[in-house]
Amino acid sequence: MAVRHRLIKVTPQTVWSVLADGSRYAEWVVGTSASEPVRGQWPQVDSAISYEVRVGPLRLTNETVVRQCEEGSVLGLEARAGALGTARIAIELRPWGKYCLVIADEHPLQGVGGLLHNVAVEALIQLRHRAMLARLARVCETQPQAEQLEGLHKGRRAAAHSTGGGHA
């Protein structure tokens, strides 16, 4: 299984707000050029988004379905990849101090991808996850809410130090 984690310097609520917006999927999922909700209310179980992958002049359209949702903490997805089959992608958010530890776990579920799964494929998934989590961090850390929260934290720290409320 390809499991990768990243500390994102915003609250879990900020990360969840990005994950819970199906129209933003293409902003953080590597290889995806466009996405839009097509069924249900994302990210409720059985809701789906359509996504597009562009490879040169080719445009491939597939679907990702929510299989598990624990609001604010767990998003379980089944991504369809045409002839390659499907993959299970589990994203877990854990509070880590004032930040969010994001854990991504992916493995082939059905089809050719599962049959061809080996150490080399696992390495490619790890590289993809590294890039995906970096993109997710960039999207989350530039959210207006994240900036407001960080400003609020800085303001509180500055006020604590100016009034002598800081610890020695």
N, C-alpha and C. Protein backbone atom coordinates (compact mmCIF):
# COMPACT_ATOMS: atom_id res chain seq x y z
N MET A 1 0.83 -1.18 0.00
CA MET A 1 0.00 0.00 0.00
C MET A 1 0.88 1.25 0.00
N ALA A 2 0.48 2.22 -0.79
CA ALA A 2 1.19 3.49 -0.84
C ALA A 2 0.59 4.43 0.20
N VAL A 3 1.30 4.60 1.30
CA VAL A 3 0.84 5.50 2.36
C VAL A 3 1.86 6.63 2.47
N ARG A 4 1.36 7.84 2.47
CA ARG A 4 2.22 9.02 2.56
C ARG A 4 1.52 10.03 3.45
N HIS A 5 2.29 10.83 4.16
CA HIS A 5 1.70 11.86 5.02
C HIS A 5 2.40 13.19 4.81
N ARG A 6 1.71 14.24 5.22
CA ARG A 6 2.28 15.59 5.13
C ARG A 6 1.62 16.47 6.19
N LEU A 7 2.43 17.27 6.85
CA LEU A 7 1.91 18.25 7.78
C LEU A 7 1.56 19.49 6.98
N ILE A 8 0.30 19.89 7.05
CA ILE A 8 -0.16 21.09 6.36
C ILE A 8 -0.42 22.14 7.43
N LYS A 9 0.13 23.31 7.24
CA LYS A 9 0.15 24.33 8.29
C LYS A 9 -1.11 25.19 8.31
N VAL A 10 -2.24 24.49 8.41
CA VAL A 10 -3.55 25.09 8.63
C VAL A 10 -4.33 24.12 9.49
N THR A 11 -5.52 24.52 9.90
CA THR A 11 -6.34 23.63 10.73
C THR A 11 -6.94 22.51 9.88
N PRO A 12 -7.32 21.40 10.53
CA PRO A 12 -8.01 20.34 9.79
C PRO A 12 -9.29 20.86 9.11
N GLN A 13 -9.96 21.84 9.71
CA GLN A 13 -11.18 22.39 9.13
C GLN A 13 -10.88 23.06 7.78
N THR A 14 -9.75 23.74 7.69
CA THR A 14 -9.38 24.38 6.43
C THR A 14 -9.09 23.34 5.36
N VAL A 15 -8.37 22.27 5.72
CA VAL A 15 -8.09 21.21 4.76
C VAL A 15 -9.40 20.56 4.33
N TRP A 16 -10.27 20.28 5.29
CA TRP A 16 -11.55 19.64 4.95
C TRP A 16 -12.35 20.52 4.00
N SER A 17 -12.32 21.83 4.18
CA SER A 17 -13.09 22.71 3.29
C SER A 17 -12.65 22.57 1.84
N VAL A 18 -11.39 22.29 1.61
CA VAL A 18 -10.89 22.06 0.25
C VAL A 18 -11.33 20.69 -0.24
N LEU A 19 -11.16 19.66 0.59
CA LEU A 19 -11.55 18.30 0.19
C LEU A 19 -13.06 18.20 -0.07
N ALA A 20 -13.84 18.97 0.68
CA ALA A 20 -15.30 18.90 0.59
C ALA A 20 -15.86 19.68 -0.59
N ASP A 21 -15.01 20.33 -1.35
CA ASP A 21 -15.44 21.09 -2.52
C ASP A 21 -15.06 20.32 -3.78
N GLY A 22 -16.01 19.57 -4.32
CA GLY A 22 -15.75 18.71 -5.48
C GLY A 22 -15.25 19.47 -6.70
N SER A 23 -15.58 20.74 -6.80
CA SER A 23 -15.13 21.51 -7.96
C SER A 23 -13.64 21.86 -7.86
N ARG A 24 -13.02 21.66 -6.68
CA ARG A 24 -11.60 21.98 -6.48
C ARG A 24 -10.69 20.75 -6.60
N TYR A 25 -11.26 19.59 -6.86
CA TYR A 25 -10.52 18.33 -6.95
C TYR A 25 -9.31 18.45 -7.88
N ALA A 26 -9.50 19.07 -9.03
CA ALA A 26 -8.42 19.20 -10.01
C ALA A 26 -7.29 20.10 -9.53
N GLU A 27 -7.56 20.93 -8.53
CA GLU A 27 -6.50 21.81 -8.01
C GLU A 27 -5.44 21.04 -7.23
N TRP A 28 -5.81 19.92 -6.63
CA TRP A 28 -4.85 19.21 -5.80
C TRP A 28 -4.57 17.78 -6.24
N VAL A 29 -5.37 17.20 -7.11
CA VAL A 29 -5.12 15.83 -7.56
C VAL A 29 -4.21 15.87 -8.79
N VAL A 30 -3.08 15.24 -8.69
CA VAL A 30 -2.09 15.22 -9.76
C VAL A 30 -2.64 14.51 -10.99
N GLY A 31 -2.44 15.13 -12.15
CA GLY A 31 -2.86 14.55 -13.41
C GLY A 31 -4.25 14.94 -13.84
N THR A 32 -5.00 15.58 -12.96
CA THR A 32 -6.37 15.96 -13.27
C THR A 32 -6.39 17.41 -13.75
N SER A 33 -7.05 17.64 -14.89
CA SER A 33 -7.07 19.00 -15.44
C SER A 33 -8.39 19.72 -15.19
N ALA A 34 -9.46 19.00 -14.89
CA ALA A 34 -10.75 19.62 -14.63
C ALA A 34 -11.60 18.65 -13.81
N SER A 35 -12.52 19.20 -13.02
CA SER A 35 -13.42 18.35 -12.25
C SER A 35 -14.73 19.09 -12.00
N GLU A 36 -15.80 18.31 -11.84
CA GLU A 36 -17.09 18.90 -11.49
C GLU A 36 -17.98 17.84 -10.86
N PRO A 37 -18.74 18.23 -9.83
CA PRO A 37 -19.68 17.29 -9.24
C PRO A 37 -20.72 16.86 -10.28
N VAL A 38 -21.05 15.55 -10.30
CA VAL A 38 -22.01 15.04 -11.27
C VAL A 38 -23.18 14.29 -10.62
N ARG A 39 -23.02 13.88 -9.37
CA ARG A 39 -24.07 13.10 -8.73
C ARG A 39 -24.01 13.30 -7.23
N GLY A 40 -25.14 13.54 -6.62
CA GLY A 40 -25.22 13.67 -5.17
C GLY A 40 -24.61 14.96 -4.67
N GLN A 41 -24.50 15.05 -3.36
CA GLN A 41 -23.93 16.23 -2.70
C GLN A 41 -22.54 15.87 -2.16
N TRP A 42 -21.49 16.23 -2.91
CA TRP A 42 -20.11 15.95 -2.52
C TRP A 42 -19.83 16.57 -1.18
N PRO A 43 -19.22 15.89 -0.24
CA PRO A 43 -18.64 14.55 -0.26
C PRO A 43 -19.49 13.48 0.45
N GLN A 44 -20.78 13.53 0.32
CA GLN A 44 -21.61 12.49 0.92
C GLN A 44 -21.37 11.15 0.21
N VAL A 45 -21.54 10.06 0.94
CA VAL A 45 -21.33 8.72 0.39
C VAL A 45 -22.19 8.53 -0.86
N ASP A 46 -21.58 7.97 -1.89
CA ASP A 46 -22.15 7.70 -3.21
C ASP A 46 -22.25 8.93 -4.11
N SER A 47 -21.86 10.10 -3.63
CA SER A 47 -21.79 11.25 -4.53
C SER A 47 -20.56 11.06 -5.43
N ALA A 48 -20.55 11.76 -6.56
CA ALA A 48 -19.46 11.56 -7.51
C ALA A 48 -19.09 12.86 -8.21
N ILE A 49 -17.83 12.90 -8.63
CA ILE A 49 -17.38 13.99 -9.49
C ILE A 49 -16.82 13.35 -10.76
N SER A 50 -16.92 14.09 -11.82
CA SER A 50 -16.31 13.70 -13.08
C SER A 50 -14.99 14.45 -13.16
N TYR A 51 -13.96 13.79 -13.66
CA TYR A 51 -12.68 14.48 -13.81
C TYR A 51 -12.09 14.17 -15.17
N GLU A 52 -11.24 15.07 -15.60
CA GLU A 52 -10.61 14.93 -16.91
C GLU A 52 -9.10 14.88 -16.77
N VAL A 53 -8.50 13.98 -17.52
CA VAL A 53 -7.05 13.86 -17.59
C VAL A 53 -6.66 14.14 -19.04
N ARG A 54 -5.72 15.04 -19.23
CA ARG A 54 -5.26 15.36 -20.59
C ARG A 54 -3.85 14.80 -20.77
N VAL A 55 -3.69 14.06 -21.85
CA VAL A 55 -2.39 13.52 -22.24
C VAL A 55 -2.18 13.94 -23.69
N GLY A 56 -1.44 15.02 -23.88
CA GLY A 56 -1.29 15.57 -25.22
C GLY A 56 -2.65 15.96 -25.75
N PRO A 57 -3.00 15.51 -26.95
CA PRO A 57 -4.30 15.86 -27.52
C PRO A 57 -5.46 15.01 -26.96
N LEU A 58 -5.14 13.94 -26.23
CA LEU A 58 -6.18 13.06 -25.68
C LEU A 58 -6.80 13.66 -24.42
N ARG A 59 -8.10 13.48 -24.31
CA ARG A 59 -8.83 13.88 -23.10
C ARG A 59 -9.59 12.68 -22.59
N LEU A 60 -9.23 12.23 -21.42
CA LEU A 60 -9.87 11.07 -20.82
C LEU A 60 -10.74 11.53 -19.66
N THR A 61 -11.99 11.11 -19.65
CA THR A 61 -12.92 11.51 -18.59
C THR A 61 -13.28 10.28 -17.78
N ASN A 62 -13.22 10.42 -16.47
CA ASN A 62 -13.60 9.34 -15.57
C ASN A 62 -14.34 9.92 -14.38
N GLU A 63 -14.52 9.09 -13.38
CA GLU A 63 -15.35 9.47 -12.24
C GLU A 63 -14.70 9.01 -10.94
N THR A 64 -14.89 9.81 -9.90
CA THR A 64 -14.48 9.44 -8.56
C THR A 64 -15.72 9.45 -7.68
N VAL A 65 -15.91 8.38 -6.92
CA VAL A 65 -17.10 8.21 -6.08
C VAL A 65 -16.68 8.18 -4.61
N VAL A 66 -17.44 8.85 -3.77
CA VAL A 66 -17.19 8.83 -2.33
C VAL A 66 -17.73 7.52 -1.77
N ARG A 67 -16.87 6.76 -1.12
CA ARG A 67 -17.27 5.49 -0.50
C ARG A 67 -17.34 5.58 1.02
N GLN A 68 -16.64 6.57 1.59
CA GLN A 68 -16.63 6.76 3.04
C GLN A 68 -16.46 8.23 3.32
N CYS A 69 -17.23 8.75 4.27
CA CYS A 69 -17.08 10.15 4.66
C CYS A 69 -17.38 10.29 6.14
N GLU A 70 -16.37 10.71 6.88
CA GLU A 70 -16.54 11.09 8.27
C GLU A 70 -16.18 12.57 8.29
N GLU A 71 -17.22 13.41 8.26
CA GLU A 71 -17.02 14.84 8.05
C GLU A 71 -15.91 15.41 8.92
N GLY A 72 -14.99 16.07 8.27
CA GLY A 72 -13.89 16.72 8.95
C GLY A 72 -12.68 15.86 9.22
N SER A 73 -12.79 14.53 8.97
CA SER A 73 -11.64 13.69 9.31
C SER A 73 -11.27 12.59 8.31
N VAL A 74 -12.23 11.99 7.61
CA VAL A 74 -11.91 10.87 6.71
C VAL A 74 -12.71 11.01 5.41
N LEU A 75 -11.99 10.87 4.30
CA LEU A 75 -12.63 10.84 2.99
C LEU A 75 -12.11 9.63 2.25
N GLY A 76 -12.99 8.67 1.95
CA GLY A 76 -12.63 7.47 1.21
C GLY A 76 -13.19 7.54 -0.19
N LEU A 77 -12.32 7.46 -1.18
CA LEU A 77 -12.72 7.62 -2.58
C LEU A 77 -12.41 6.37 -3.39
N GLU A 78 -13.24 6.14 -4.41
CA GLU A 78 -12.94 5.11 -5.40
C GLU A 78 -12.80 5.84 -6.73
N ALA A 79 -11.58 5.88 -7.25
CA ALA A 79 -11.29 6.58 -8.50
C ALA A 79 -11.28 5.57 -9.64
N ARG A 80 -12.06 5.86 -10.64
CA ARG A 80 -12.11 5.00 -11.82
C ARG A 80 -11.10 5.50 -12.84
N ALA A 81 -10.38 4.58 -13.44
CA ALA A 81 -9.35 4.94 -14.41
C ALA A 81 -9.51 4.13 -15.69
N GLY A 82 -10.72 4.06 -16.19
CA GLY A 82 -10.98 3.35 -17.44
C GLY A 82 -10.51 1.92 -17.42
N ALA A 83 -9.74 1.54 -18.44
CA ALA A 83 -9.27 0.16 -18.60
C ALA A 83 -8.33 -0.27 -17.47
N LEU A 84 -7.74 0.68 -16.78
CA LEU A 84 -6.84 0.33 -15.67
C LEU A 84 -7.58 -0.15 -14.44
N GLY A 85 -8.88 0.13 -14.36
CA GLY A 85 -9.67 -0.31 -13.22
C GLY A 85 -9.94 0.81 -12.25
N THR A 86 -9.98 0.46 -10.97
CA THR A 86 -10.27 1.45 -9.93
C THR A 86 -9.21 1.40 -8.84
N ALA A 87 -9.14 2.50 -8.11
CA ALA A 87 -8.22 2.57 -6.97
C ALA A 87 -8.98 3.08 -5.76
N ARG A 88 -8.59 2.60 -4.60
CA ARG A 88 -9.13 3.09 -3.33
C ARG A 88 -8.16 4.14 -2.81
N ILE A 89 -8.69 5.30 -2.49
CA ILE A 89 -7.87 6.38 -1.94
C ILE A 89 -8.52 6.82 -0.64
N ALA A 90 -7.80 6.68 0.45
CA ALA A 90 -8.30 7.10 1.76
C ALA A 90 -7.46 8.29 2.22
N ILE A 91 -8.14 9.35 2.59
CA ILE A 91 -7.46 10.55 3.08
C ILE A 91 -7.95 10.79 4.50
N GLU A 92 -7.01 10.82 5.42
CA GLU A 92 -7.33 11.02 6.83
C GLU A 92 -6.72 12.32 7.31
N LEU A 93 -7.49 13.09 8.06
CA LEU A 93 -7.00 14.34 8.63
C LEU A 93 -6.90 14.17 10.14
N ARG A 94 -5.74 14.51 10.68
CA ARG A 94 -5.54 14.43 12.13
C ARG A 94 -5.04 15.77 12.63
N PRO A 95 -5.64 16.28 13.71
CA PRO A 95 -5.09 17.51 14.29
C PRO A 95 -3.67 17.23 14.77
N TRP A 96 -2.76 18.15 14.51
CA TRP A 96 -1.38 18.01 14.96
C TRP A 96 -0.96 19.37 15.50
N GLY A 97 -1.21 19.54 16.81
CA GLY A 97 -1.05 20.87 17.38
C GLY A 97 -2.09 21.77 16.73
N LYS A 98 -1.65 22.91 16.23
CA LYS A 98 -2.60 23.81 15.55
C LYS A 98 -2.70 23.51 14.06
N TYR A 99 -1.98 22.51 13.59
CA TYR A 99 -1.95 22.17 12.17
C TYR A 99 -2.70 20.88 11.88
N CYS A 100 -2.55 20.40 10.66
CA CYS A 100 -3.25 19.19 10.21
C CYS A 100 -2.27 18.21 9.60
N LEU A 101 -2.25 16.99 10.11
CA LEU A 101 -1.48 15.92 9.52
C LEU A 101 -2.41 15.19 8.55
N VAL A 102 -2.04 15.16 7.28
CA VAL A 102 -2.86 14.52 6.25
C VAL A 102 -2.17 13.21 5.87
N ILE A 103 -2.93 12.13 5.92
CA ILE A 103 -2.41 10.81 5.57
C ILE A 103 -3.19 10.31 4.36
N ALA A 104 -2.47 10.03 3.28
CA ALA A 104 -3.08 9.52 2.05
C ALA A 104 -2.65 8.07 1.87
N ASP A 105 -3.61 7.21 1.61
CA ASP A 105 -3.38 5.77 1.46
C ASP A 105 -4.10 5.33 0.19
N GLU A 106 -3.36 4.80 -0.77
CA GLU A 106 -3.96 4.40 -2.04
C GLU A 106 -3.48 3.03 -2.46
N HIS A 107 -4.39 2.26 -3.02
CA HIS A 107 -3.99 1.01 -3.66
C HIS A 107 -5.03 0.61 -4.71
N PRO A 108 -4.60 -0.15 -5.72
CA PRO A 108 -5.53 -0.61 -6.74
C PRO A 108 -6.61 -1.47 -6.11
N LEU A 109 -7.81 -1.34 -6.63
CA LEU A 109 -8.93 -2.07 -6.06
C LEU A 109 -9.44 -3.14 -7.03
N GLN A 110 -9.65 -2.75 -8.28
CA GLN A 110 -10.19 -3.68 -9.28
C GLN A 110 -9.49 -3.44 -10.61
N GLY A 111 -9.52 -4.45 -11.47
CA GLY A 111 -9.05 -4.29 -12.83
C GLY A 111 -7.56 -4.53 -13.02
N VAL A 112 -7.08 -4.08 -14.18
CA VAL A 112 -5.70 -4.30 -14.60
C VAL A 112 -4.71 -3.71 -13.60
N GLY A 113 -5.04 -2.55 -13.03
CA GLY A 113 -4.15 -1.91 -12.05
C GLY A 113 -3.81 -2.85 -10.89
N GLY A 114 -4.80 -3.60 -10.43
CA GLY A 114 -4.56 -4.55 -9.36
C GLY A 114 -3.71 -5.73 -9.79
N LEU A 115 -3.91 -6.18 -11.03
CA LEU A 115 -3.13 -7.31 -11.53
C LEU A 115 -1.67 -6.95 -11.76
N LEU A 116 -1.43 -5.71 -12.18
CA LEU A 116 -0.06 -5.27 -12.47
C LEU A 116 0.62 -4.59 -11.29
N HIS A 117 -0.06 -4.54 -10.16
CA HIS A 117 0.50 -3.86 -8.99
C HIS A 117 1.78 -4.55 -8.52
N ASN A 118 2.85 -3.78 -8.43
CA ASN A 118 4.14 -4.31 -7.98
C ASN A 118 4.94 -3.19 -7.33
N VAL A 119 6.17 -3.46 -6.99
CA VAL A 119 7.01 -2.49 -6.29
C VAL A 119 7.23 -1.23 -7.14
N ALA A 120 7.39 -1.38 -8.43
CA ALA A 120 7.61 -0.22 -9.31
C ALA A 120 6.36 0.67 -9.34
N VAL A 121 5.19 0.07 -9.42
CA VAL A 121 3.94 0.84 -9.42
C VAL A 121 3.78 1.54 -8.07
N GLU A 122 4.13 0.84 -7.02
CA GLU A 122 4.06 1.42 -5.67
C GLU A 122 4.95 2.66 -5.58
N ALA A 123 6.13 2.60 -6.15
CA ALA A 123 7.04 3.76 -6.15
C ALA A 123 6.44 4.93 -6.92
N LEU A 124 5.80 4.64 -8.04
CA LEU A 124 5.14 5.72 -8.80
C LEU A 124 4.00 6.36 -8.02
N ILE A 125 3.23 5.53 -7.32
CA ILE A 125 2.14 6.06 -6.49
C ILE A 125 2.72 6.95 -5.39
N GLN A 126 3.84 6.53 -4.78
CA GLN A 126 4.48 7.35 -3.75
C GLN A 126 4.88 8.72 -4.30
N LEU A 127 5.46 8.74 -5.51
CA LEU A 127 5.84 10.02 -6.12
C LEU A 127 4.61 10.88 -6.41
N ARG A 128 3.57 10.24 -6.89
CA ARG A 128 2.32 10.97 -7.17
C ARG A 128 1.75 11.55 -5.88
N HIS A 129 1.77 10.77 -4.80
CA HIS A 129 1.25 11.26 -3.51
C HIS A 129 2.07 12.42 -2.98
N ARG A 130 3.37 12.34 -3.13
CA ARG A 130 4.23 13.45 -2.68
C ARG A 130 3.79 14.74 -3.38
N ALA A 131 3.61 14.66 -4.70
CA ALA A 131 3.19 15.84 -5.46
C ALA A 131 1.76 16.26 -5.09
N MET A 132 0.88 15.29 -4.92
CA MET A 132 -0.51 15.58 -4.58
C MET A 132 -0.61 16.29 -3.23
N LEU A 133 0.10 15.78 -2.24
CA LEU A 133 0.05 16.40 -0.92
C LEU A 133 0.69 17.78 -0.91
N ALA A 134 1.72 17.98 -1.73
CA ALA A 134 2.33 19.31 -1.86
C ALA A 134 1.32 20.28 -2.48
N ARG A 135 0.60 19.82 -3.49
CA ARG A 135 -0.43 20.66 -4.11
C ARG A 135 -1.55 20.97 -3.13
N LEU A 136 -1.98 19.96 -2.37
CA LEU A 136 -3.04 20.17 -1.38
C LEU A 136 -2.58 21.19 -0.33
N ALA A 137 -1.34 21.06 0.11
CA ALA A 137 -0.81 22.02 1.09
C ALA A 137 -0.82 23.44 0.52
N ARG A 138 -0.38 23.58 -0.72
CA ARG A 138 -0.34 24.91 -1.35
C ARG A 138 -1.74 25.51 -1.45
N VAL A 139 -2.71 24.70 -1.87
CA VAL A 139 -4.09 25.17 -1.98
C VAL A 139 -4.63 25.57 -0.61
N CYS A 140 -4.43 24.72 0.39
CA CYS A 140 -4.96 24.98 1.73
C CYS A 140 -4.29 26.18 2.40
N GLU A 141 -2.98 26.25 2.26
CA GLU A 141 -2.24 27.31 2.95
C GLU A 141 -2.43 28.68 2.31
N THR A 142 -3.03 28.73 1.11
CA THR A 142 -3.32 30.01 0.48
C THR A 142 -4.81 30.35 0.55
N GLN A 143 -5.58 29.54 1.24
CA GLN A 143 -7.00 29.81 1.46
C GLN A 143 -7.16 31.11 2.24
N PRO A 144 -8.12 31.95 1.89
CA PRO A 144 -8.36 33.17 2.67
C PRO A 144 -8.59 32.87 4.15
N GLN A 145 -9.34 31.80 4.46
CA GLN A 145 -9.61 31.43 5.84
C GLN A 145 -8.30 31.09 6.56
N ALA A 146 -7.41 30.39 5.89
CA ALA A 146 -6.13 30.01 6.50
C ALA A 146 -5.34 31.27 6.82
N GLU A 147 -5.35 32.23 5.91
CA GLU A 147 -4.62 33.47 6.14
C GLU A 147 -5.22 34.24 7.31
N GLN A 148 -6.54 34.27 7.40
CA GLN A 148 -7.18 34.97 8.50
C GLN A 148 -6.87 34.31 9.83
N LEU A 149 -6.93 32.97 9.86
CA LEU A 149 -6.62 32.26 11.10
C LEU A 149 -5.18 32.46 11.52
N GLU A 150 -4.26 32.39 10.55
CA GLU A 150 -2.85 32.58 10.88
C GLU A 150 -2.62 34.00 11.40
N GLY A 151 -3.28 34.98 10.80
CA GLY A 151 -3.17 36.37 11.27
C GLY A 151 -3.70 36.51 12.68
N LEU A 152 -4.79 35.81 12.97
CA LEU A 152 -5.36 35.84 14.31
C LEU A 152 -4.38 35.24 15.31
N HIS A 153 -3.75 34.10 14.97
CA HIS A 153 -2.77 33.47 15.86
C HIS A 153 -1.58 34.40 16.10
N LYS A 154 -1.09 35.05 15.04
CA LYS A 154 0.05 35.97 15.19
C LYS A 154 -0.34 37.14 16.08
N GLY A 155 -1.55 37.65 15.87
CA GLY A 155 -2.03 38.77 16.69
C GLY A 155 -2.11 38.40 18.17
N ARG A 156 -2.59 37.21 18.45
CA ARG A 156 -2.67 36.74 19.85
C ARG A 156 -1.29 36.59 20.46
N ARG A 157 -0.34 36.03 19.67
CA ARG A 157 1.02 35.86 20.18
C ARG A 157 1.66 37.21 20.46
N ALA A 158 1.46 38.15 19.54
CA ALA A 158 2.04 39.48 19.72
C ALA A 158 1.43 40.16 20.94
N ALA A 159 0.11 40.03 21.13
CA ALA A 159 -0.55 40.63 22.28
C ALA A 159 -0.06 40.00 23.57
N ALA A 160 0.14 38.69 23.58
CA ALA A 160 0.61 38.01 24.79
C ALA A 160 2.01 38.48 25.17
N HIS A 161 2.88 38.69 24.16
CA HIS A 161 4.23 39.13 24.44
C HIS A 161 4.26 40.59 24.89
N SER A 162 3.41 41.45 24.32
CA SER A 162 3.44 42.87 24.68
C SER A 162 2.84 43.13 26.06
N THR A 163 1.97 42.24 26.52
CA THR A 163 1.36 42.42 27.84
C THR A 163 2.06 41.59 28.91
N GLY A 164 3.12 40.93 28.50
CA GLY A 164 3.84 40.10 29.47
C GLY A 164 3.18 38.77 29.71
N GLY A 165 2.22 38.41 28.87
CA GLY A 165 1.50 37.15 29.04
C GLY A 165 2.25 35.96 28.46
N GLY A 166 3.37 36.22 27.83
CA GLY A 166 4.13 35.11 27.22
C GLY A 166 4.88 34.34 28.29
N HIS A 167 5.31 33.16 27.98
CA HIS A 167 6.05 32.32 28.93
C HIS A 167 7.53 32.56 28.75
N ALA A 168 8.26 32.49 29.83
CA ALA A 168 9.71 32.68 29.78
C ALA A 168 10.41 31.41 29.44
